[in-house]
C-alpha atoms as a PDB file:
ATOM      1  CA  UNK A   1     -33.925   0.571  -7.017  1.00  0.00           C
ATOM      2  CA  UNK A   2     -35.428   2.789  -9.843  1.00  0.00           C
ATOM      3  CA  UNK A   3     -34.313   5.232 -12.287  1.00  0.00           C
ATOM      4  CA  UNK A   4     -34.797   7.224 -15.267  1.00  0.00           C
ATOM      5  CA  UNK A   5     -33.645   5.934 -18.401  1.00  0.00           C
ATOM      6  CA  UNK A   6     -29.918   7.128 -19.038  1.00  0.00           C
ATOM      7  CA  UNK A   7     -27.591   6.309 -21.870  1.00  0.00           C
ATOM      8  CA  UNK A   8     -24.324   4.850 -20.373  1.00  0.00           C
ATOM      9  CA  UNK A   9     -21.244   5.625 -21.993  1.00  0.00           C
ATOM     10  CA  UNK A  10     -18.668   2.736 -21.603  1.00  0.00           C
ATOM     11  CA  UNK A  11     -15.958   2.575 -19.652  1.00  0.00           C
ATOM     12  CA  UNK A  12     -12.853   2.192 -22.041  1.00  0.00           C
ATOM     13  CA  UNK A  13      -9.293   1.678 -21.257  1.00  0.00           C
ATOM     14  CA  UNK A  14      -6.719   4.575 -20.795  1.00  0.00           C
ATOM     15  CA  UNK A  15      -5.159   5.762 -24.226  1.00  0.00           C
ATOM     16  CA  UNK A  16      -1.605   5.116 -23.426  1.00  0.00           C
ATOM     17  CA  UNK A  17      -0.253   5.993 -26.933  1.00  0.00           C
ATOM     18  CA  UNK A  18       1.310   9.334 -26.589  1.00  0.00           C
ATOM     19  CA  UNK A  19       3.983   9.006 -23.587  1.00  0.00           C
ATOM     20  CA  UNK A  20       5.126  12.742 -24.393  1.00  0.00           C
ATOM     21  CA  UNK A  21       4.375  14.366 -20.740  1.00  0.00           C
ATOM     22  CA  UNK A  22       4.388  13.849 -17.175  1.00  0.00           C
ATOM     23  CA  UNK A  23       0.832  12.558 -17.326  1.00  0.00           C
ATOM     24  CA  UNK A  24       1.680  10.428 -20.356  1.00  0.00           C
ATOM     25  CA  UNK A  25       5.004   9.198 -18.991  1.00  0.00           C
ATOM     26  CA  UNK A  26       2.768   7.982 -15.595  1.00  0.00           C
ATOM     27  CA  UNK A  27       0.285   6.123 -18.104  1.00  0.00           C
ATOM     28  CA  UNK A  28       2.895   4.713 -19.956  1.00  0.00           C
ATOM     29  CA  UNK A  29       4.667   3.111 -16.556  1.00  0.00           C
ATOM     30  CA  UNK A  30       0.987   1.476 -15.755  1.00  0.00           C
ATOM     31  CA  UNK A  31      -0.045   0.113 -18.908  1.00  0.00           C
ATOM     32  CA  UNK A  32       3.675  -1.679 -18.963  1.00  0.00           C
ATOM     33  CA  UNK A  33       3.699  -2.794 -15.479  1.00  0.00           C
ATOM     34  CA  UNK A  34       0.166  -3.630 -15.530  1.00  0.00           C
ATOM     35  CA  UNK A  35       0.400  -5.548 -18.902  1.00  0.00           C
ATOM     36  CA  UNK A  36       3.588  -7.660 -17.015  1.00  0.00           C
ATOM     37  CA  UNK A  37       1.909  -8.503 -13.933  1.00  0.00           C
ATOM     38  CA  UNK A  38      -1.448  -9.473 -15.640  1.00  0.00           C
ATOM     39  CA  UNK A  39       0.457 -11.147 -18.085  1.00  0.00           C
ATOM     40  CA  UNK A  40       2.297 -13.187 -15.658  1.00  0.00           C
ATOM     41  CA  UNK A  41       5.931 -11.689 -16.029  1.00  0.00           C
ATOM     42  CA  UNK A  42       5.457 -10.828 -12.215  1.00  0.00           C
ATOM     43  CA  UNK A  43       3.565 -13.442 -10.501  1.00  0.00           C
ATOM     44  CA  UNK A  44       1.343 -13.077  -7.215  1.00  0.00           C
ATOM     45  CA  UNK A  45       3.779 -12.488  -4.284  1.00  0.00           C
ATOM     46  CA  UNK A  46       6.531 -11.135  -6.519  1.00  0.00           C
ATOM     47  CA  UNK A  47       8.200  -7.535  -5.799  1.00  0.00           C
ATOM     48  CA  UNK A  48       8.443  -5.262  -8.355  1.00  0.00           C
ATOM     49  CA  UNK A  49      11.731  -3.823  -9.080  1.00  0.00           C
ATOM     50  CA  UNK A  50      13.062  -1.372  -6.661  1.00  0.00           C
ATOM     51  CA  UNK A  51      11.982   2.277  -7.309  1.00  0.00           C
ATOM     52  CA  UNK A  52      15.468   3.304  -7.932  1.00  0.00           C
ATOM     53  CA  UNK A  53      15.741   0.893 -10.768  1.00  0.00           C
ATOM     54  CA  UNK A  54      12.052   1.852 -12.065  1.00  0.00           C
ATOM     55  CA  UNK A  55      13.090   5.504 -12.212  1.00  0.00           C
ATOM     56  CA  UNK A  56      16.174   4.595 -13.849  1.00  0.00           C
ATOM     57  CA  UNK A  57      14.317   2.520 -16.509  1.00  0.00           C
ATOM     58  CA  UNK A  58      11.741   5.184 -16.880  1.00  0.00           C
ATOM     59  CA  UNK A  59      14.068   7.995 -16.977  1.00  0.00           C
ATOM     60  CA  UNK A  60      11.373   9.552 -14.429  1.00  0.00           C
ATOM     61  CA  UNK A  61      11.552  10.689 -10.847  1.00  0.00           C
ATOM     62  CA  UNK A  62      10.180   9.002  -8.108  1.00  0.00           C
ATOM     63  CA  UNK A  63       6.655  11.507  -7.654  1.00  0.00           C
ATOM     64  CA  UNK A  64       5.775  10.016 -11.240  1.00  0.00           C
ATOM     65  CA  UNK A  65       6.542   6.572 -10.494  1.00  0.00           C
ATOM     66  CA  UNK A  66       4.806   6.519  -7.113  1.00  0.00           C
ATOM     67  CA  UNK A  67       1.962   8.292  -9.123  1.00  0.00           C
ATOM     68  CA  UNK A  68       1.838   5.110 -11.259  1.00  0.00           C
ATOM     69  CA  UNK A  69       1.894   2.570  -8.549  1.00  0.00           C
ATOM     70  CA  UNK A  70      -0.911   4.045  -6.589  1.00  0.00           C
ATOM     71  CA  UNK A  71      -2.967   3.785 -10.060  1.00  0.00           C
ATOM     72  CA  UNK A  72      -1.787  -0.024  -9.591  1.00  0.00           C
ATOM     73  CA  UNK A  73      -2.726  -0.475  -6.068  1.00  0.00           C
ATOM     74  CA  UNK A  74      -6.018   1.216  -7.058  1.00  0.00           C
ATOM     75  CA  UNK A  75      -6.503  -1.521  -9.897  1.00  0.00           C
ATOM     76  CA  UNK A  76      -5.713  -4.184  -6.934  1.00  0.00           C
ATOM     77  CA  UNK A  77      -2.651  -5.784  -8.661  1.00  0.00           C
ATOM     78  CA  UNK A  78      -0.175  -4.873  -5.911  1.00  0.00           C
ATOM     79  CA  UNK A  79       0.229  -3.476  -2.646  1.00  0.00           C
ATOM     80  CA  UNK A  80       3.032  -1.515  -0.895  1.00  0.00           C
ATOM     81  CA  UNK A  81       4.845  -1.802   2.388  1.00  0.00           C
ATOM     82  CA  UNK A  82       7.670   0.115   3.897  1.00  0.00           C
ATOM     83  CA  UNK A  83      10.846  -1.411   3.797  1.00  0.00           C
ATOM     84  CA  UNK A  84       9.169  -4.471   1.931  1.00  0.00           C
ATOM     85  CA  UNK A  85       8.262  -2.589  -1.453  1.00  0.00           C
ATOM     86  CA  UNK A  86       5.393  -2.962  -4.044  1.00  0.00           C
ATOM     87  CA  UNK A  87       4.505  -6.748  -4.360  1.00  0.00           C
ATOM     88  CA  UNK A  88       1.725  -8.311  -6.615  1.00  0.00           C
ATOM     89  CA  UNK A  89      -1.331  -9.426  -5.062  1.00  0.00           C
ATOM     90  CA  UNK A  90      -3.015 -12.778  -5.626  1.00  0.00           C
ATOM     91  CA  UNK A  91      -5.348 -13.026  -8.943  1.00  0.00           C
ATOM     92  CA  UNK A  92      -8.380 -13.374  -6.872  1.00  0.00           C
ATOM     93  CA  UNK A  93      -7.882  -9.870  -5.576  1.00  0.00           C
ATOM     94  CA  UNK A  94      -7.271  -7.859  -8.714  1.00  0.00           C
ATOM     95  CA  UNK A  95     -10.102  -5.617 -10.334  1.00  0.00           C
ATOM     96  CA  UNK A  96     -11.404  -7.567 -12.827  1.00  0.00           C
ATOM     97  CA  UNK A  97     -13.725  -5.700 -14.545  1.00  0.00           C
ATOM     98  CA  UNK A  98     -11.699  -2.148 -14.299  1.00  0.00           C
ATOM     99  CA  UNK A  99     -11.588  -1.433 -18.005  1.00  0.00           C
ATOM    100  CA  UNK A 100      -7.763  -1.794 -17.929  1.00  0.00           C
ATOM    101  CA  UNK A 101      -7.601  -4.619 -16.214  1.00  0.00           C
ATOM    102  CA  UNK A 102      -9.872  -6.229 -18.539  1.00  0.00           C
ATOM    103  CA  UNK A 103      -8.140  -4.908 -21.497  1.00  0.00           C
ATOM    104  CA  UNK A 104      -4.806  -6.477 -20.202  1.00  0.00           C
ATOM    105  CA  UNK A 105      -6.542  -9.689 -19.977  1.00  0.00           C
ATOM    106  CA  UNK A 106      -7.756  -9.589 -23.300  1.00  0.00           C
ATOM    107  CA  UNK A 107      -4.363  -8.847 -24.784  1.00  0.00           C
ATOM    108  CA  UNK A 108      -2.625 -11.597 -22.583  1.00  0.00           C
ATOM    109  CA  UNK A 109      -4.699 -14.229 -22.914  1.00  0.00           C
ATOM    110  CA  UNK A 110      -5.587 -16.630 -25.454  1.00  0.00           C
ATOM    111  CA  UNK A 111      -9.199 -14.892 -27.494  1.00  0.00           C
ATOM    112  CA  UNK A 112     -10.841 -18.129 -27.371  1.00  0.00           C
ATOM    113  CA  UNK A 113     -10.015 -19.119 -23.943  1.00  0.00           C
ATOM    114  CA  UNK A 114     -10.938 -15.469 -22.919  1.00  0.00           C
ATOM    115  CA  UNK A 115     -14.115 -15.113 -25.062  1.00  0.00           C
ATOM    116  CA  UNK A 116     -15.275 -18.540 -23.499  1.00  0.00           C
ATOM    117  CA  UNK A 117     -14.808 -16.768 -19.612  1.00  0.00           C
ATOM    118  CA  UNK A 118     -16.784 -13.875 -21.118  1.00  0.00           C
ATOM    119  CA  UNK A 119     -19.869 -16.174 -22.636  1.00  0.00           C
ATOM    120  CA  UNK A 120     -19.794 -17.890 -19.300  1.00  0.00           C
ATOM    121  CA  UNK A 121     -20.381 -14.657 -17.250  1.00  0.00           C
ATOM    122  CA  UNK A 122     -22.622 -13.062 -20.180  1.00  0.00           C
ATOM    123  CA  UNK A 123     -24.635 -16.217 -19.851  1.00  0.00           C
ATOM    124  CA  UNK A 124     -25.724 -15.766 -16.289  1.00  0.00           C
ATOM    125  CA  UNK A 125     -26.251 -12.106 -16.237  1.00  0.00           C
ATOM    126  CA  UNK A 126     -28.222 -11.349 -19.164  1.00  0.00           C
ATOM    127  CA  UNK A 127     -30.823 -13.604 -19.218  1.00  0.00           C
ATOM    128  CA  UNK A 128     -31.444 -12.084 -15.920  1.00  0.00           C
ATOM    129  CA  UNK A 129     -31.320  -8.646 -16.851  1.00  0.00           C
ATOM    130  CA  UNK A 130     -33.483  -9.460 -19.814  1.00  0.00           C
ATOM    131  CA  UNK A 131     -35.993 -10.850 -17.823  1.00  0.00           C
ATOM    132  CA  UNK A 132     -36.298  -8.055 -15.744  1.00  0.00           C
ATOM    133  CA  UNK A 133     -36.137  -5.299 -18.388  1.00  0.00           C
ATOM    134  CA  UNK A 134     -39.381  -7.398 -19.751  1.00  0.00           C
ATOM    135  CA  UNK A 135     -41.124  -6.763 -15.938  1.00  0.00           C
ATOM    136  CA  UNK A 136     -40.092  -3.183 -15.182  1.00  0.00           C
ATOM    137  CA  UNK A 137     -39.140  -1.371 -18.523  1.00  0.00           C
ATOM    138  CA  UNK A 138     -41.375   1.761 -19.217  1.00  0.00           C
ATOM    139  CA  UNK A 139     -42.635   2.146 -22.638  1.00  0.00           C
ATOM    140  CA  UNK A 140     -39.593   4.854 -22.931  1.00  0.00           C
ATOM    141  CA  UNK A 141     -37.212   2.019 -22.131  1.00  0.00           C
ATOM    142  CA  UNK A 142     -39.000  -0.014 -24.520  1.00  0.00           C
ATOM    143  CA  UNK A 143     -38.734   2.367 -27.257  1.00  0.00           C
ATOM    144  CA  UNK A 144     -34.990   3.073 -26.613  1.00  0.00           C
ATOM    145  CA  UNK A 145     -33.992  -0.603 -27.108  1.00  0.00           C
ATOM    146  CA  UNK A 146     -36.177  -0.870 -29.937  1.00  0.00           C
ATOM    147  CA  UNK A 147     -34.267   2.473 -31.654  1.00  0.00           C
ATOM    148  CA  UNK A 148     -31.180   0.404 -31.178  1.00  0.00           C
ATOM    149  CA  UNK A 149     -32.376  -2.522 -32.676  1.00  0.00           C
ATOM    150  CA  UNK A 150     -33.548   0.056 -35.923  1.00  0.00           C
ATOM    151  CA  UNK A 151     -30.007   1.329 -36.044  1.00  0.00           C
ATOM    152  CA  UNK A 152     -28.699  -2.689 -35.834  1.00  0.00           C
ATOM    153  CA  UNK A 153     -31.128  -3.395 -39.182  1.00  0.00           C
ATOM    154  CA  UNK A 154     -29.424  -0.148 -40.888  1.00  0.00           C
ATOM    155  CA  UNK A 155     -25.938  -0.967 -40.451  1.00  0.00           C
ATOM    156  CA  UNK A 156     -24.273  -1.212 -43.777  1.00  0.00           C
ATOM    157  CA  UNK A 157     -21.496  -2.890 -42.032  1.00  0.00           C
ATOM    158  CA  UNK A 158     -19.680  -5.263 -39.003  1.00  0.00           C
ATOM    159  CA  UNK A 159     -18.434  -1.996 -38.188  1.00  0.00           C
ATOM    160  CA  UNK A 160     -21.137   0.042 -38.084  1.00  0.00           C
ATOM    161  CA  UNK A 161     -23.229  -2.452 -36.444  1.00  0.00           C
ATOM    162  CA  UNK A 162     -21.062  -2.366 -33.355  1.00  0.00           C
ATOM    163  CA  UNK A 163     -22.197   0.584 -31.482  1.00  0.00           C
ATOM    164  CA  UNK A 164     -25.937   0.417 -32.135  1.00  0.00           C
ATOM    165  CA  UNK A 165     -25.088  -3.573 -30.773  1.00  0.00           C
ATOM    166  CA  UNK A 166     -23.609  -2.268 -27.284  1.00  0.00           C
ATOM    167  CA  UNK A 167     -26.358   0.191 -27.467  1.00  0.00           C
ATOM    168  CA  UNK A 168     -29.374  -2.447 -27.113  1.00  0.00           C
ATOM    169  CA  UNK A 169     -27.373  -4.409 -24.781  1.00  0.00           C
ATOM    170  CA  UNK A 170     -26.823  -1.390 -22.489  1.00  0.00           C
ATOM    171  CA  UNK A 171     -30.535  -0.082 -22.671  1.00  0.00           C
ATOM    172  CA  UNK A 172     -31.870  -3.412 -21.766  1.00  0.00           C
ATOM    173  CA  UNK A 173     -29.800  -3.272 -18.757  1.00  0.00           C
ATOM    174  CA  UNK A 174     -30.721   0.349 -18.156  1.00  0.00           C
ATOM    175  CA  UNK A 175     -34.380  -0.872 -18.426  1.00  0.00           C
ATOM    176  CA  UNK A 176     -34.107  -3.187 -15.402  1.00  0.00           C
ATOM    177  CA  UNK A 177     -34.014   0.073 -12.951  1.00  0.00           C
ATOM    178  CA  UNK A 178     -31.541  -1.541 -11.194  1.00  0.00           C
ATOM    179  CA  UNK A 179     -28.241   0.653 -10.759  1.00  0.00           C
ATOM    180  CA  UNK A 180     -26.094  -1.798  -9.696  1.00  0.00           C
ATOM    181  CA  UNK A 181     -27.099  -4.679 -12.050  1.00  0.00           C
ATOM    182  CA  UNK A 182     -26.329  -1.983 -15.141  1.00  0.00           C
ATOM    183  CA  UNK A 183     -23.260  -0.595 -14.102  1.00  0.00           C
ATOM    184  CA  UNK A 184     -22.028  -4.113 -13.806  1.00  0.00           C
ATOM    185  CA  UNK A 185     -23.119  -4.937 -17.364  1.00  0.00           C
ATOM    186  CA  UNK A 186     -21.464  -1.643 -18.461  1.00  0.00           C
ATOM    187  CA  UNK A 187     -18.157  -2.618 -16.876  1.00  0.00           C
ATOM    188  CA  UNK A 188     -18.279  -5.722 -18.936  1.00  0.00           C
ATOM    189  CA  UNK A 189     -18.957  -3.367 -22.118  1.00  0.00           C
ATOM    190  CA  UNK A 190     -14.751  -3.225 -22.527  1.00  0.00           C
ATOM    191  CA  UNK A 191     -14.807  -7.184 -23.298  1.00  0.00           C
ATOM    192  CA  UNK A 192     -18.190  -7.210 -24.909  1.00  0.00           C
ATOM    193  CA  UNK A 193     -17.086  -4.672 -27.841  1.00  0.00           C
ATOM    194  CA  UNK A 194     -13.772  -6.757 -27.935  1.00  0.00           C
ATOM    195  CA  UNK A 195     -15.920  -9.971 -28.641  1.00  0.00           C
ATOM    196  CA  UNK A 196     -18.471  -8.374 -30.925  1.00  0.00           C
ATOM    197  CA  UNK A 197     -15.885  -6.856 -33.074  1.00  0.00           C
ATOM    198  CA  UNK A 198     -14.660 -10.818 -33.910  1.00  0.00           C
ATOM    199  CA  UNK A 199     -18.280 -11.936 -33.835  1.00  0.00           C
ATOM    200  CA  UNK A 200     -19.398  -9.455 -36.062  1.00  0.00           C
ATOM    201  CA  UNK A 201     -17.159 -10.814 -39.203  1.00  0.00           C
ATOM    202  CA  UNK A 202     -18.960 -13.785 -39.434  1.00  0.00           C
ATOM    203  CA  UNK A 203     -20.580 -14.276 -42.948  1.00  0.00           C
ATOM    204  CA  UNK A 204     -24.159 -14.071 -43.286  1.00  0.00           C
ATOM    205  CA  UNK A 205     -24.133 -11.290 -40.024  1.00  0.00           C
ATOM    206  CA  UNK A 206     -27.350  -9.771 -40.485  1.00  0.00           C
ATOM    207  CA  UNK A 207     -29.784 -13.112 -41.360  1.00  0.00           C
ATOM    208  CA  UNK A 208     -27.883 -14.552 -38.524  1.00  0.00           C
ATOM    209  CA  UNK A 209     -27.545 -12.112 -35.469  1.00  0.00           C
ATOM    210  CA  UNK A 210     -30.932  -9.933 -35.879  1.00  0.00           C
ATOM    211  CA  UNK A 211     -33.566 -12.501 -35.612  1.00  0.00           C
ATOM    212  CA  UNK A 212     -32.087 -12.968 -32.256  1.00  0.00           C
ATOM    213  CA  UNK A 213     -31.999 -10.082 -31.267  1.00  0.00           C
ATOM    214  CA  UNK A 214     -35.378  -8.883 -32.379  1.00  0.00           C
ATOM    215  CA  UNK A 215     -36.671 -12.155 -30.289  1.00  0.00           C
ATOM    216  CA  UNK A 216     -35.352 -10.403 -27.239  1.00  0.00           C
ATOM    217  CA  UNK A 217     -36.930  -6.997 -28.284  1.00  0.00           C
ATOM    218  CA  UNK A 218     -40.128  -8.618 -28.899  1.00  0.00           C
ATOM    219  CA  UNK A 219     -40.437 -10.573 -25.830  1.00  0.00           C
ATOM    220  CA  UNK A 220     -39.687  -7.251 -23.737  1.00  0.00           C
ATOM    221  CA  UNK A 221     -42.180  -5.507 -25.771  1.00  0.00           C
ATOM    222  CA  UNK A 222     -44.717  -8.373 -24.630  1.00  0.00           C
ATOM    223  CA  UNK A 223     -43.552  -7.939 -21.002  1.00  0.00           C
ATOM    224  CA  UNK A 224     -42.469 -12.101 -21.523  1.00  0.00           C
ATOM    225  CA  UNK A 225     -39.882 -12.258 -18.709  1.00  0.00           C
ATOM    226  CA  UNK A 226     -39.300 -16.249 -19.616  1.00  0.00           C
ATOM    227  CA  UNK A 227     -39.234 -15.835 -23.246  1.00  0.00           C
ATOM    228  CA  UNK A 228     -36.781 -12.438 -22.430  1.00  0.00           C
ATOM    229  CA  UNK A 229     -34.660 -15.140 -20.812  1.00  0.00           C
ATOM    230  CA  UNK A 230     -34.734 -17.958 -23.107  1.00  0.00           C
ATOM    231  CA  UNK A 231     -34.123 -15.632 -26.200  1.00  0.00           C
ATOM    232  CA  UNK A 232     -31.026 -14.017 -24.548  1.00  0.00           C
ATOM    233  CA  UNK A 233     -29.719 -17.408 -23.771  1.00  0.00           C
ATOM    234  CA  UNK A 234     -30.692 -18.656 -27.570  1.00  0.00           C
ATOM    235  CA  UNK A 235     -28.443 -15.126 -28.634  1.00  0.00           C
ATOM    236  CA  UNK A 236     -25.499 -16.093 -26.322  1.00  0.00           C
ATOM    237  CA  UNK A 237     -25.214 -19.333 -27.588  1.00  0.00           C
ATOM    238  CA  UNK A 238     -25.224 -17.905 -31.543  1.00  0.00           C
ATOM    239  CA  UNK A 239     -22.685 -15.251 -30.498  1.00  0.00           C
ATOM    240  CA  UNK A 240     -20.407 -17.754 -28.914  1.00  0.00           C
ATOM    241  CA  UNK A 241     -20.901 -20.000 -32.038  1.00  0.00           C
ATOM    242  CA  UNK A 242     -19.959 -17.129 -34.310  1.00  0.00           C
ATOM    243  CA  UNK A 243     -16.940 -16.278 -32.075  1.00  0.00           C
ATOM    244  CA  UNK A 244     -15.525 -19.704 -32.834  1.00  0.00           C
ATOM    245  CA  UNK A 245     -16.247 -19.391 -36.229  1.00  0.00           C
ATOM    246  CA  UNK A 246     -14.120 -16.624 -36.757  1.00  0.00           C
ATOM    247  CA  UNK A 247     -11.547 -17.732 -34.127  1.00  0.00           C
ATOM    248  CA  UNK A 248     -11.332 -21.239 -36.013  1.00  0.00           C
ATOM    249  CA  UNK A 249     -12.546 -23.061 -32.962  1.00  0.00           C
ATOM    250  CA  UNK A 250     -15.356 -25.905 -32.931  1.00  0.00           C
ATOM    251  CA  UNK A 251     -18.461 -23.834 -33.879  1.00  0.00           C
ATOM    252  CA  UNK A 252     -20.502 -26.538 -31.751  1.00  0.00           C
END
């Protein structure tokens, strides 16, 4: 599948902070019930409390509660049956790449455990993405990746580095010209952003991280698919070590 270069905007979780009207109240219910499901407060095959109880607890009408329940159904967390109620589905049926579900997983899992899972997934996907980008990137794609890298170089603080770093990886995914693959990478962006916020806190960040990213860019510029794959694996291994240093785990 071919597409023109496009800079995707990462999908981030809904904002549940201001439950002041009907829409925000429904969002609060989604947030609280979703978090209770993902954290294990409600386990697979458990029934959620009856509608009447939840309406009383949240002081909302049945239509508002049902609207929130439909969101949870759409995220694969529950199903509804007449005369049965709302039942939690098996974890394997959850839409794990949904931005909200990812957010709840991050909030409810030990950080080291979640980031280890994320790094394993990234190590499968991102080297292949970089290799494809080396094969199929246009000159405009390469210039766009290079522009993101230049902003990484110029970033004065770890906080300022976050968006250019995300852009660097998303533009490599766009450069594959495979819409399914690029969108899969975009769906992981919520979790990747959280990982970067932590790994970018390590000492000597620029000295350690920038050469790894430069190696990926150079391989793509040289149309070196194998080199791009290897450079990405090295960068991800470095990111894993950085996370372990920051979070107090084993850097090796």
